[in-house]
Amino acid sequence: MAFQLASILETTAFQFLDEVLAEFNSKDGFAKTNRWEIIITPPTGNRGGSTGNIFAPIMGANTGEGVTQKTALMCEAFSFPGRNLTTTPDSNLYGPEREMVNGYTFGDISSTFRLSSDMKEKQFFDTWQRLAYNPQDFSIGYYYDYVGEIRLYQLDEQDRRRYGIKLLECFPKTIDQMTVTQGAGDLQRVNVTWAYRYWLSLADEPNAPKPLEDRLAEIAINTISKNIFNNIPSVVRKLF
């Protein structure tokens, strides 16, 4: 009996191993940490309507000059974000307590970027940060002037996008110090920590809620359109 049981366990183990190897050798295979793509969409610096920050025109020009795309290509490491459900204990019952979800939170994301000799990538992040405050009078900028968007995709062996996330209302919260040395030279890098409001999965929740100002604008437009339509004579309305 013991011998038969051992044979069954051995057969099951080999079947499982064959399935794992078949998956590894298939076209789909496993997700790999070095197969990914990042797309950075920075703010223009004037979405909120302010024009006083001298760095807004510089940030707006980055897209046309290709600095944004170059910075994304220089990204060495990024992280898919996590999500934490915040809970409170429900003790108003008999027996063990339940954990009841009352919200959710997100943590900051760390990233690393290689730097070219002209330090354009570092300047890109410096400019983005300075949209959050005016370096001339130190006033704080309008929120929508300095938040952007980042999309991160997991690629397969054929460079197809198989999974993706979108960071909403993100900005470079911290740009770390960079060390120089008299020792052996290495590639210069900068670490950037990103803050964001929330993230979405592009696989099953691609539509993000619109900012309040956009929703209010839509409501106003719809209200005006409705009032105009209601004031049209009924004979004419039949033609629509």
Protein backbone atom coordinates (compact mmCIF):
# COMPACT_ATOMS: atom_id res chain seq x y z
CA MET A 1 0.00 0.00 0.00
CA ALA A 2 2.84 2.34 0.92
CA PHE A 3 4.57 1.57 -2.38
CA GLN A 4 1.43 2.32 -4.38
CA LEU A 5 0.90 5.60 -2.55
CA ALA A 6 4.50 6.61 -3.25
CA SER A 7 4.05 5.82 -6.93
CA ILE A 8 0.89 7.92 -7.08
CA LEU A 9 2.59 10.87 -5.39
CA GLU A 10 5.59 10.57 -7.70
CA THR A 11 3.38 10.49 -10.80
CA THR A 12 1.42 13.54 -9.61
CA ALA A 13 4.64 15.44 -8.94
CA PHE A 14 5.99 14.72 -12.43
CA GLN A 15 2.67 15.73 -14.02
CA PHE A 16 2.77 19.03 -12.15
CA LEU A 17 6.39 19.59 -13.21
CA ASP A 18 5.49 18.87 -16.85
CA GLU A 19 2.67 21.43 -16.66
CA VAL A 20 5.01 24.06 -15.20
CA LEU A 21 7.65 23.43 -17.89
CA ALA A 22 5.00 23.49 -20.61
CA GLU A 23 3.77 26.85 -19.36
CA PHE A 24 7.32 28.19 -19.23
CA ASN A 25 8.02 27.09 -22.82
CA SER A 26 4.68 28.25 -24.23
CA LYS A 27 4.15 31.51 -26.11
CA ASP A 28 2.56 33.01 -23.02
CA GLY A 29 5.14 31.81 -20.50
CA PHE A 30 5.72 33.77 -17.30
CA ALA A 31 5.72 37.49 -16.70
CA LYS A 32 9.28 38.78 -16.41
CA THR A 33 10.52 41.77 -14.48
CA ASN A 34 12.50 43.11 -17.44
CA ARG A 35 9.60 43.08 -19.92
CA TRP A 36 7.70 46.33 -19.40
CA GLU A 37 6.88 49.70 -20.89
CA ILE A 38 6.21 53.06 -19.26
CA ILE A 39 4.44 56.09 -20.72
CA ILE A 40 4.68 59.41 -18.88
CA THR A 41 2.15 62.17 -19.50
CA PRO A 42 3.29 65.28 -17.62
CA PRO A 43 1.12 68.30 -16.90
CA THR A 44 1.31 71.37 -19.08
CA GLY A 45 1.39 73.70 -16.09
CA ASN A 46 -1.64 75.75 -17.10
CA ARG A 47 -4.61 73.41 -16.79
CA GLY A 48 -5.78 75.32 -13.74
CA GLY A 49 -5.73 78.56 -15.66
CA SER A 50 -2.72 80.08 -13.91
CA THR A 51 0.01 81.70 -16.01
CA GLY A 52 2.34 83.12 -13.35
CA ASN A 53 4.77 80.20 -13.07
CA ILE A 54 7.78 80.75 -15.33
CA PHE A 55 8.32 76.98 -15.68
CA ALA A 56 4.90 76.28 -17.22
CA PRO A 57 6.03 77.12 -20.80
CA ILE A 58 9.14 74.95 -20.33
CA MET A 59 7.07 71.99 -19.20
CA GLY A 60 4.66 72.45 -22.07
CA ALA A 61 7.53 72.44 -24.56
CA ASN A 62 8.96 69.14 -23.28
CA THR A 63 6.38 67.08 -25.13
CA GLY A 64 7.14 68.66 -28.47
CA GLU A 65 10.89 68.41 -27.99
CA GLY A 66 10.75 64.71 -27.14
CA VAL A 67 12.14 65.13 -23.63
CA THR A 68 9.20 63.27 -22.10
CA GLN A 69 9.66 60.23 -24.35
CA LYS A 70 13.42 60.24 -23.77
CA THR A 71 12.92 60.33 -20.00
CA ALA A 72 10.54 57.36 -20.16
CA LEU A 73 13.11 55.38 -22.16
CA MET A 74 15.71 56.14 -19.49
CA CYS A 75 13.56 54.57 -16.77
CA GLU A 76 15.55 51.73 -15.22
CA ALA A 77 13.13 50.59 -12.54
CA PHE A 78 9.52 51.27 -11.64
CA SER A 79 6.90 49.44 -9.57
CA PHE A 80 3.38 48.29 -10.12
CA PRO A 81 1.46 49.94 -7.27
CA GLY A 82 -0.23 48.10 -4.46
CA ARG A 83 -3.51 48.76 -2.71
CA ASN A 84 -4.36 48.53 0.97
CA LEU A 85 -7.88 48.07 2.30
CA THR A 86 -8.38 49.95 5.55
CA THR A 87 -10.64 48.18 8.03
CA THR A 88 -12.29 48.56 11.39
CA PRO A 89 -13.30 45.69 13.68
CA ASP A 90 -17.00 44.88 13.97
CA SER A 91 -17.29 43.80 17.58
CA ASN A 92 -21.08 44.12 17.82
CA LEU A 93 -21.69 40.40 17.37
CA TYR A 94 -21.16 37.10 19.11
CA GLY A 95 -18.04 35.12 18.37
CA PRO A 96 -14.88 36.26 16.56
CA GLU A 97 -14.75 39.81 15.26
CA ARG A 98 -15.12 40.70 11.63
CA GLU A 99 -12.90 43.15 9.79
CA MET A 100 -15.11 45.60 7.89
CA VAL A 101 -13.68 47.58 4.99
CA ASN A 102 -14.13 51.33 5.35
CA GLY A 103 -11.80 52.60 2.65
CA TYR A 104 -8.57 52.01 0.79
CA THR A 105 -5.18 53.68 0.52
CA PHE A 106 -2.17 53.70 -1.79
CA GLY A 107 1.53 54.03 -1.07
CA ASP A 108 4.13 56.13 -2.86
CA ILE A 109 6.10 54.53 -5.70
CA SER A 110 9.89 54.54 -6.06
CA SER A 111 11.62 54.66 -9.44
CA THR A 112 15.10 54.96 -10.90
CA PHE A 113 16.13 56.81 -14.06
CA ARG A 114 19.46 56.76 -15.88
CA LEU A 115 20.78 60.20 -16.80
CA SER A 116 22.27 61.33 -20.09
CA SER A 117 25.28 63.66 -20.14
CA ASP A 118 23.11 66.77 -20.55
CA MET A 119 21.02 65.78 -17.49
CA LYS A 120 17.82 66.45 -19.43
CA GLU A 121 15.97 63.82 -17.40
CA LYS A 122 16.93 65.48 -14.12
CA GLN A 123 15.86 68.86 -15.48
CA PHE A 124 12.56 67.31 -16.57
CA PHE A 125 11.74 66.26 -13.01
CA ASP A 126 13.00 69.53 -11.53
CA THR A 127 10.72 71.46 -13.86
CA TRP A 128 7.76 69.24 -13.04
CA GLN A 129 8.27 69.79 -9.31
CA ARG A 130 8.51 73.56 -9.73
CA LEU A 131 5.02 73.63 -11.20
CA ALA A 132 3.85 72.95 -7.63
CA TYR A 133 5.31 76.21 -6.38
CA ASN A 134 6.39 79.50 -7.89
CA PRO A 135 10.19 79.85 -7.41
CA GLN A 136 9.88 83.63 -7.66
CA ASP A 137 7.50 84.21 -4.76
CA PHE A 138 7.26 80.67 -3.24
CA SER A 139 3.49 80.55 -3.62
CA ILE A 140 1.92 77.10 -3.99
CA GLY A 141 0.58 76.19 -7.42
CA TYR A 142 -2.89 75.06 -8.39
CA TYR A 143 -3.30 71.29 -7.97
CA TYR A 144 -4.21 70.46 -11.56
CA ASP A 145 -1.23 72.48 -12.80
CA TYR A 146 1.28 69.95 -11.47
CA VAL A 147 -0.41 66.52 -11.57
CA GLY A 148 0.03 64.22 -14.54
CA GLU A 149 -0.47 60.59 -15.50
CA ILE A 150 1.71 57.50 -15.84
CA ARG A 151 0.87 54.21 -17.55
CA LEU A 152 2.88 51.07 -16.86
CA TYR A 153 2.50 47.90 -18.95
CA GLN A 154 3.67 44.33 -18.46
CA LEU A 155 4.89 42.92 -21.80
CA ASP A 156 5.20 39.32 -22.94
CA GLU A 157 8.04 37.83 -24.99
CA GLN A 158 6.47 39.22 -28.17
CA ASP A 159 6.32 42.75 -26.66
CA ARG A 160 2.54 42.61 -26.42
CA ARG A 161 0.88 44.51 -23.60
CA ARG A 162 -0.71 41.90 -21.34
CA TYR A 163 -1.45 43.96 -18.25
CA GLY A 164 -1.36 47.65 -17.43
CA ILE A 165 -2.08 50.24 -14.79
CA LYS A 166 -2.65 53.97 -14.84
CA LEU A 167 -1.51 56.33 -12.09
CA LEU A 168 -3.94 59.22 -11.79
CA GLU A 169 -2.99 62.69 -10.59
CA CYS A 170 0.66 61.83 -9.98
CA PHE A 171 3.71 64.04 -9.50
CA PRO A 172 7.36 63.59 -8.46
CA LYS A 173 7.12 64.07 -4.71
CA THR A 174 10.80 63.45 -3.95
CA ILE A 175 13.89 63.72 -6.14
CA ASP A 176 16.76 62.10 -4.28
CA GLN A 177 20.25 63.49 -3.97
CA MET A 178 22.82 62.23 -6.46
CA THR A 179 26.33 61.21 -5.45
CA VAL A 180 29.51 61.94 -7.41
CA THR A 181 32.79 60.27 -6.57
CA GLN A 182 36.50 60.22 -7.44
CA GLY A 183 36.31 56.43 -7.72
CA ALA A 184 35.54 54.28 -10.73
CA GLY A 185 32.94 55.91 -12.93
CA ASP A 186 29.44 54.47 -13.20
CA LEU A 187 26.23 55.57 -14.86
CA GLN A 188 24.64 58.48 -13.07
CA ARG A 189 21.12 57.80 -11.87
CA VAL A 190 18.40 59.65 -10.02
CA ASN A 191 15.75 58.11 -7.75
CA VAL A 192 12.29 59.65 -7.93
CA THR A 193 9.41 58.95 -5.54
CA TRP A 194 5.94 59.44 -6.97
CA ALA A 195 2.80 60.52 -5.15
CA TYR A 196 -0.57 59.94 -6.78
CA ARG A 197 -4.22 59.98 -5.88
CA TYR A 198 -5.12 56.46 -7.00
CA TRP A 199 -4.47 53.91 -9.75
CA LEU A 200 -6.62 51.90 -12.13
CA SER A 201 -6.14 48.56 -13.85
CA LEU A 202 -6.25 49.03 -17.61
CA ALA A 203 -7.36 45.40 -17.93
CA ASP A 204 -10.78 45.77 -16.32
CA GLU A 205 -11.33 49.37 -15.16
CA PRO A 206 -10.05 51.68 -17.90
CA ASN A 207 -12.44 54.57 -17.28
CA ALA A 208 -11.26 56.91 -14.56
CA PRO A 209 -13.66 59.21 -12.69
CA LYS A 210 -13.38 62.71 -14.05
CA PRO A 211 -12.11 65.56 -11.87
CA LEU A 212 -14.76 67.64 -10.18
CA GLU A 213 -14.09 70.67 -12.36
CA ASP A 214 -14.67 68.62 -15.53
CA ARG A 215 -17.89 67.16 -14.15
CA LEU A 216 -19.16 70.62 -13.21
CA ALA A 217 -18.34 71.90 -16.70
CA GLU A 218 -20.27 69.01 -18.27
CA ILE A 219 -23.24 69.66 -15.99
CA ALA A 220 -23.22 73.34 -16.96
CA ILE A 221 -23.03 72.53 -20.69
CA ASN A 222 -25.80 69.95 -20.43
CA THR A 223 -27.99 72.36 -18.48
CA ILE A 224 -27.52 75.13 -21.05
CA SER A 225 -28.20 72.72 -23.93
CA LYS A 226 -31.34 71.44 -22.21
CA ASN A 227 -32.65 74.96 -21.61
CA ILE A 228 -32.02 75.94 -25.23
CA PHE A 229 -33.74 72.81 -26.49
CA ASN A 230 -36.76 73.37 -24.22
CA ASN A 231 -37.15 76.91 -25.52
CA ILE A 232 -37.34 75.72 -29.12
CA PRO A 233 -40.95 75.59 -30.37
CA SER A 234 -42.38 72.09 -30.34
CA VAL A 235 -42.95 72.17 -34.11
CA VAL A 236 -39.25 72.78 -34.72
CA ARG A 237 -38.18 70.20 -32.08
CA LYS A 238 -39.76 67.42 -34.12
CA LEU A 239 -37.11 68.01 -36.77
CA PHE A 240 -34.30 66.96 -34.42
